[in-house]
Amino acid sequence: MTRNTNIAVTAAILSMICVQGGASFAKQLFPAIGPIATTTLRIGLSAIILYCINRPKFLSFNKKQWFYCAIYGVGIAVMNLIFYMAIERIPLGLGVTIEFVGPLFLAFALSRQWLDVLWASLACIGILLIVPWQSNGIDLLGLFYALLAGAFWAVYIIMGSKVSKVMEGRQAVTTGMIIATAFILPFALWDGAIMNLDLNLFGKGLLVAILSSALPFSLDMVALGKLPTKTFSILTSLQPAFGAFSGLLFLREYLTLSQWLSVACVVLASIGSTVFSKKSKNKVETQ
């Protein structure tokens, strides 16, 4: 690989480590302030950081841009809140794996390739391996929250695509995060746990915001600027595996063999779908 490719791959891997490490640190805040306050801290502090970096020009936005940003921002808030509610109840690796099914099945739904049936089946096997058919200590409500978070992740992808077509990406992300903060703040005030913040908890919340948003966004920009979309997508498919390892390393969350097989099925389904859909697309374009 060339030096630029090495840098880009390293940036993509570091981005995933940051995201899953941020989720691990966020989970450590749950006993003190709960998932609602943790989500508010992550989104709110990320919004402040991104605003200071990008300085969106609000006065230049039209009604369509504001409308798309509003739905995009609400999607960010709900997706992150429900995901944190999920990993409060189930291991991080399982939460990421189940949530990842949302964008994976969105890709299948938008595809017209028969081979995607195979990858969808593999992903389904992965989910079936997680479902607690016998009493194995997996929280059913946590599984449901993770699936719901995956659905909102798919909505987030759709709205992200729409908003990126009507305005510059950094402006959209920053504005979306600010709207997400405004949306979730009343829930945090109602919950009341955010009032228990001290300097130590605030510092951990700031670390979560940097690891989960500010750093990954910057690293992804480096990777996307130097890597083909296919390569970047394949690397992103490793998110469930990084989530499982992050949970094991930082939270001492041990998965069973069937749960590790579930993670592997979803990762392979995502990689297979990415690789073969790109090959088919390229074949069509060259004909």
Protein backbone atom coordinates (compact mmCIF):
# COMPACT_ATOMS: atom_id res chain seq x y z
CA MET A 1 0.00 0.00 0.00
CA THR A 2 1.10 3.58 -0.60
CA ARG A 3 1.82 5.96 2.25
CA ASN A 4 -1.44 7.85 1.64
CA THR A 5 -3.42 4.60 1.74
CA ASN A 6 -1.71 3.55 4.97
CA ILE A 7 -2.58 6.90 6.54
CA ALA A 8 -6.20 6.65 5.37
CA VAL A 9 -6.69 3.07 6.62
CA THR A 10 -5.11 4.01 9.96
CA ALA A 11 -7.45 7.02 10.20
CA ALA A 12 -10.53 4.85 9.49
CA ILE A 13 -9.51 2.27 12.09
CA LEU A 14 -8.74 4.97 14.67
CA SER A 15 -12.15 6.49 13.97
CA MET A 16 -13.89 3.20 14.82
CA ILE A 17 -11.75 2.77 17.93
CA CYS A 18 -12.74 6.28 19.03
CA VAL A 19 -16.46 5.70 18.43
CA GLN A 20 -16.60 2.38 20.28
CA GLY A 21 -14.25 3.59 23.01
CA GLY A 22 -16.50 6.62 23.42
CA ALA A 23 -19.51 4.30 23.81
CA SER A 24 -17.62 2.32 26.48
CA PHE A 25 -16.85 5.47 28.45
CA ALA A 26 -20.44 6.65 28.00
CA LYS A 27 -21.71 3.41 29.50
CA GLN A 28 -19.55 4.04 32.57
CA LEU A 29 -21.51 7.26 33.14
CA PHE A 30 -24.89 5.48 33.23
CA PRO A 31 -24.78 4.50 36.94
CA ALA A 32 -24.23 8.15 37.91
CA ILE A 33 -26.45 10.11 35.49
CA GLY A 34 -28.23 7.59 33.24
CA PRO A 35 -28.48 7.37 29.44
CA ILE A 36 -30.61 10.52 28.91
CA ALA A 37 -28.15 12.88 30.60
CA THR A 38 -25.20 11.05 28.99
CA THR A 39 -26.74 11.45 25.54
CA THR A 40 -27.38 15.15 26.22
CA LEU A 41 -23.78 15.66 27.31
CA ARG A 42 -22.40 13.88 24.25
CA ILE A 43 -24.60 15.69 21.74
CA GLY A 44 -24.50 19.10 23.43
CA LEU A 45 -20.73 19.23 23.91
CA SER A 46 -20.18 17.85 20.39
CA ALA A 47 -22.44 20.60 19.03
CA ILE A 48 -20.38 23.26 20.81
CA ILE A 49 -17.10 21.79 19.51
CA LEU A 50 -18.40 21.52 15.94
CA TYR A 51 -19.87 25.03 16.04
CA CYS A 52 -16.53 26.49 17.13
CA ILE A 53 -14.80 24.65 14.26
CA ASN A 54 -17.31 25.09 11.42
CA ARG A 55 -19.28 28.28 12.22
CA PRO A 56 -22.45 27.53 10.21
CA LYS A 57 -24.04 30.49 8.38
CA PHE A 58 -27.58 30.16 9.73
CA LEU A 59 -28.88 33.34 8.07
CA SER A 60 -28.14 31.93 4.62
CA PHE A 61 -30.24 28.77 5.10
CA ASN A 62 -33.52 28.46 3.20
CA LYS A 63 -36.72 26.72 4.42
CA LYS A 64 -35.87 23.41 2.74
CA GLN A 65 -32.41 23.32 4.34
CA TRP A 66 -33.85 24.09 7.78
CA PHE A 67 -36.53 21.40 7.33
CA TYR A 68 -34.03 18.71 6.34
CA CYS A 69 -31.65 19.75 9.12
CA ALA A 70 -34.49 19.57 11.65
CA ILE A 71 -35.44 15.98 10.76
CA TYR A 72 -31.75 15.04 10.55
CA GLY A 73 -31.06 16.54 13.98
CA VAL A 74 -34.04 14.88 15.65
CA GLY A 75 -32.90 11.59 14.11
CA ILE A 76 -29.43 12.05 15.63
CA ALA A 77 -30.91 12.70 19.08
CA VAL A 78 -33.36 9.77 19.05
CA MET A 79 -30.86 7.33 17.52
CA ASN A 80 -28.20 8.07 20.13
CA LEU A 81 -30.61 8.12 23.07
CA ILE A 82 -32.22 4.78 22.18
CA PHE A 83 -28.81 3.20 21.52
CA TYR A 84 -27.57 4.30 24.96
CA MET A 85 -30.78 2.91 26.49
CA ALA A 86 -29.98 -0.37 24.72
CA ILE A 87 -26.38 -0.73 25.87
CA GLU A 88 -27.45 0.13 29.42
CA ARG A 89 -29.20 -3.27 29.35
CA ILE A 90 -27.10 -5.42 26.99
CA PRO A 91 -23.35 -5.71 26.20
CA LEU A 92 -21.91 -3.04 23.91
CA GLY A 93 -20.84 -5.55 21.24
CA LEU A 94 -24.34 -6.97 20.94
CA GLY A 95 -25.88 -3.49 20.88
CA VAL A 96 -23.65 -2.36 18.02
CA THR A 97 -24.24 -5.61 16.12
CA ILE A 98 -28.04 -5.38 16.34
CA GLU A 99 -28.06 -1.63 15.60
CA PHE A 100 -25.87 -2.22 12.55
CA VAL A 101 -28.64 -4.34 11.04
CA GLY A 102 -30.61 -1.12 10.39
CA PRO A 103 -28.26 0.38 7.76
CA LEU A 104 -27.41 -3.11 6.50
CA PHE A 105 -31.02 -3.92 5.64
CA LEU A 106 -31.45 -0.43 4.21
CA ALA A 107 -28.65 -1.31 1.78
CA PHE A 108 -30.42 -4.56 0.93
CA ALA A 109 -33.74 -2.76 0.39
CA LEU A 110 -32.12 -0.30 -2.04
CA SER A 111 -30.26 -3.05 -3.92
CA ARG A 112 -31.54 -5.04 -6.88
CA GLN A 113 -28.88 -7.78 -6.77
CA TRP A 114 -30.07 -11.35 -6.16
CA LEU A 115 -26.86 -12.13 -4.28
CA ASP A 116 -27.95 -9.72 -1.54
CA VAL A 117 -30.49 -12.36 -0.47
CA LEU A 118 -27.51 -14.42 0.66
CA TRP A 119 -26.04 -11.56 2.68
CA ALA A 120 -29.45 -10.72 4.18
CA SER A 121 -29.83 -14.37 5.20
CA LEU A 122 -26.39 -14.32 6.82
CA ALA A 123 -27.32 -11.17 8.76
CA CYS A 124 -30.59 -12.82 9.86
CA ILE A 125 -28.64 -15.83 11.13
CA GLY A 126 -26.48 -13.42 13.11
CA ILE A 127 -29.53 -11.86 14.76
CA LEU A 128 -31.09 -15.28 15.47
CA LEU A 129 -27.89 -16.29 17.27
CA ILE A 130 -28.34 -13.32 19.65
CA VAL A 131 -32.04 -13.88 20.40
CA PRO A 132 -32.35 -15.52 23.84
CA TRP A 133 -34.26 -18.66 22.86
CA GLN A 134 -33.30 -20.02 26.24
CA SER A 135 -32.70 -18.11 29.46
CA ASN A 136 -29.20 -16.74 28.92
CA GLY A 137 -29.42 -13.41 30.70
CA ILE A 138 -29.95 -11.21 27.61
CA ASP A 139 -32.43 -8.40 28.26
CA LEU A 140 -35.28 -8.48 25.71
CA LEU A 141 -36.06 -4.78 26.14
CA GLY A 142 -32.40 -4.01 25.48
CA LEU A 143 -32.56 -6.03 22.26
CA PHE A 144 -35.69 -4.15 21.21
CA TYR A 145 -34.04 -0.78 21.91
CA ALA A 146 -31.02 -1.81 19.81
CA LEU A 147 -33.27 -2.80 16.89
CA LEU A 148 -35.17 0.48 17.21
CA ALA A 149 -31.87 2.39 17.26
CA GLY A 150 -30.93 0.55 14.05
CA ALA A 151 -34.18 1.73 12.43
CA PHE A 152 -33.38 5.32 13.37
CA TRP A 153 -29.83 4.84 12.07
CA ALA A 154 -31.37 3.96 8.70
CA VAL A 155 -33.52 7.14 8.91
CA TYR A 156 -30.38 9.10 9.82
CA ILE A 157 -28.61 7.76 6.71
CA ILE A 158 -31.55 8.66 4.46
CA MET A 159 -31.85 12.18 5.87
CA GLY A 160 -28.07 12.63 5.85
CA SER A 161 -28.09 11.86 2.15
CA LYS A 162 -30.93 14.30 1.53
CA VAL A 163 -29.45 17.15 3.55
CA SER A 164 -26.00 16.70 1.98
CA LYS A 165 -27.57 17.36 -1.43
CA VAL A 166 -28.93 20.78 -0.43
CA MET A 167 -26.05 22.14 1.70
CA GLU A 168 -22.39 21.69 2.58
CA GLY A 169 -21.68 18.66 4.77
CA ARG A 170 -19.95 20.32 7.73
CA GLN A 171 -22.68 22.97 7.93
CA ALA A 172 -25.34 20.25 7.91
CA VAL A 173 -23.68 18.12 10.60
CA THR A 174 -23.08 21.09 12.89
CA THR A 175 -26.62 22.41 12.47
CA GLY A 176 -28.05 18.93 12.95
CA MET A 177 -26.13 18.49 16.22
CA ILE A 178 -27.38 21.86 17.50
CA ILE A 179 -30.98 20.91 16.67
CA ALA A 180 -30.43 17.50 18.32
CA THR A 181 -29.26 19.30 21.47
CA ALA A 182 -32.33 21.54 21.50
CA PHE A 183 -34.56 18.48 21.03
CA ILE A 184 -33.07 16.33 23.80
CA LEU A 185 -32.38 19.03 26.41
CA PRO A 186 -36.01 19.18 27.70
CA PHE A 187 -35.92 15.40 28.27
CA ALA A 188 -32.68 15.78 30.23
CA LEU A 189 -34.21 18.54 32.39
CA TRP A 190 -37.31 16.39 32.96
CA ASP A 191 -35.12 13.41 33.89
CA GLY A 192 -33.19 15.57 36.35
CA ALA A 193 -30.06 13.39 36.48
CA ILE A 194 -28.06 16.00 34.57
CA MET A 195 -28.31 18.19 37.68
CA ASN A 196 -26.02 15.69 39.44
CA LEU A 197 -23.08 16.69 37.24
CA ASP A 198 -19.81 17.50 38.93
CA LEU A 199 -16.46 18.42 37.41
CA ASN A 200 -15.37 14.78 37.16
CA LEU A 201 -18.56 13.67 35.38
CA PHE A 202 -18.44 16.70 33.09
CA GLY A 203 -14.86 15.82 32.13
CA LYS A 204 -15.90 12.26 31.27
CA GLY A 205 -18.82 13.63 29.26
CA LEU A 206 -16.44 15.87 27.34
CA LEU A 207 -14.21 12.85 26.63
CA VAL A 208 -17.25 10.96 25.30
CA ALA A 209 -18.18 13.91 23.06
CA ILE A 210 -14.65 14.14 21.64
CA LEU A 211 -14.25 10.40 21.11
CA SER A 212 -17.76 9.80 19.77
CA SER A 213 -18.12 12.80 17.46
CA ALA A 214 -15.35 15.38 17.09
CA LEU A 215 -12.42 13.00 16.48
CA PRO A 216 -14.29 10.42 14.32
CA PHE A 217 -15.69 13.15 12.05
CA SER A 218 -12.18 14.53 11.51
CA LEU A 219 -10.59 11.11 11.00
CA ASP A 220 -13.34 10.04 8.58
CA MET A 221 -12.66 13.15 6.50
CA VAL A 222 -9.00 12.10 6.21
CA ALA A 223 -9.96 8.53 5.28
CA LEU A 224 -12.65 9.49 2.77
CA GLY A 225 -10.27 11.89 1.06
CA LYS A 226 -7.70 9.17 0.35
CA LEU A 227 -9.65 5.88 0.12
CA PRO A 228 -12.11 4.54 -2.47
CA THR A 229 -15.68 4.46 -1.16
CA LYS A 230 -15.69 0.65 -1.39
CA THR A 231 -12.62 0.31 0.84
CA PHE A 232 -13.99 2.76 3.38
CA SER A 233 -17.34 0.92 3.47
CA ILE A 234 -15.61 -2.43 4.05
CA LEU A 235 -13.64 -0.96 6.94
CA THR A 236 -16.82 0.54 8.43
CA SER A 237 -18.36 -2.94 8.33
CA LEU A 238 -15.99 -3.88 11.15
CA GLN A 239 -17.86 -1.63 13.63
CA PRO A 240 -19.66 -4.52 15.42
CA ALA A 241 -16.36 -6.32 15.95
CA PHE A 242 -14.74 -3.16 17.35
CA GLY A 243 -17.78 -2.71 19.60
CA ALA A 244 -17.43 -6.26 20.94
CA PHE A 245 -13.71 -5.84 21.60
CA SER A 246 -14.25 -2.42 23.18
CA GLY A 247 -16.87 -3.87 25.53
CA LEU A 248 -14.49 -6.70 26.44
CA LEU A 249 -11.50 -4.40 27.02
CA PHE A 250 -13.10 -1.45 28.83
CA LEU A 251 -16.26 -2.95 30.37
CA ARG A 252 -15.30 -6.60 30.96
CA GLU A 253 -18.31 -7.70 28.91
CA TYR A 254 -17.72 -11.31 27.91
CA LEU A 255 -19.71 -12.69 24.98
CA THR A 256 -20.65 -16.33 24.47
CA LEU A 257 -19.44 -18.28 21.44
CA SER A 258 -22.83 -17.93 19.72
CA GLN A 259 -22.75 -14.16 20.33
CA TRP A 260 -19.27 -13.88 18.79
CA LEU A 261 -20.58 -15.92 15.83
CA SER A 262 -23.45 -13.44 15.57
CA VAL A 263 -21.02 -10.52 15.36
CA ALA A 264 -19.03 -12.40 12.70
CA CYS A 265 -22.18 -13.09 10.63
CA VAL A 266 -23.24 -9.45 10.58
CA VAL A 267 -19.71 -8.25 9.76
CA LEU A 268 -19.37 -10.78 6.90
CA ALA A 269 -22.84 -9.90 5.58
CA SER A 270 -21.93 -6.22 5.51
CA ILE A 271 -18.55 -6.81 3.84
CA GLY A 272 -20.07 -9.21 1.30
CA SER A 273 -22.90 -6.84 0.45
CA THR A 274 -20.46 -3.95 0.04
CA VAL A 275 -17.94 -5.82 -2.09
CA PHE A 276 -20.38 -7.50 -4.45
CA SER A 277 -22.74 -4.55 -4.84
CA LYS A 278 -19.78 -2.39 -5.83
CA LYS A 279 -18.55 -5.02 -8.29
CA SER A 280 -21.98 -5.23 -9.89
CA LYS A 281 -22.26 -1.48 -10.10
CA ASN A 282 -18.82 -1.16 -11.65
CA LYS A 283 -19.67 -3.89 -14.20
CA VAL A 284 -22.80 -1.99 -15.23
CA GLU A 285 -20.90 1.27 -15.54
CA THR A 286 -18.27 -0.30 -17.82
CA GLN A 287 -20.81 -1.84 -20.20
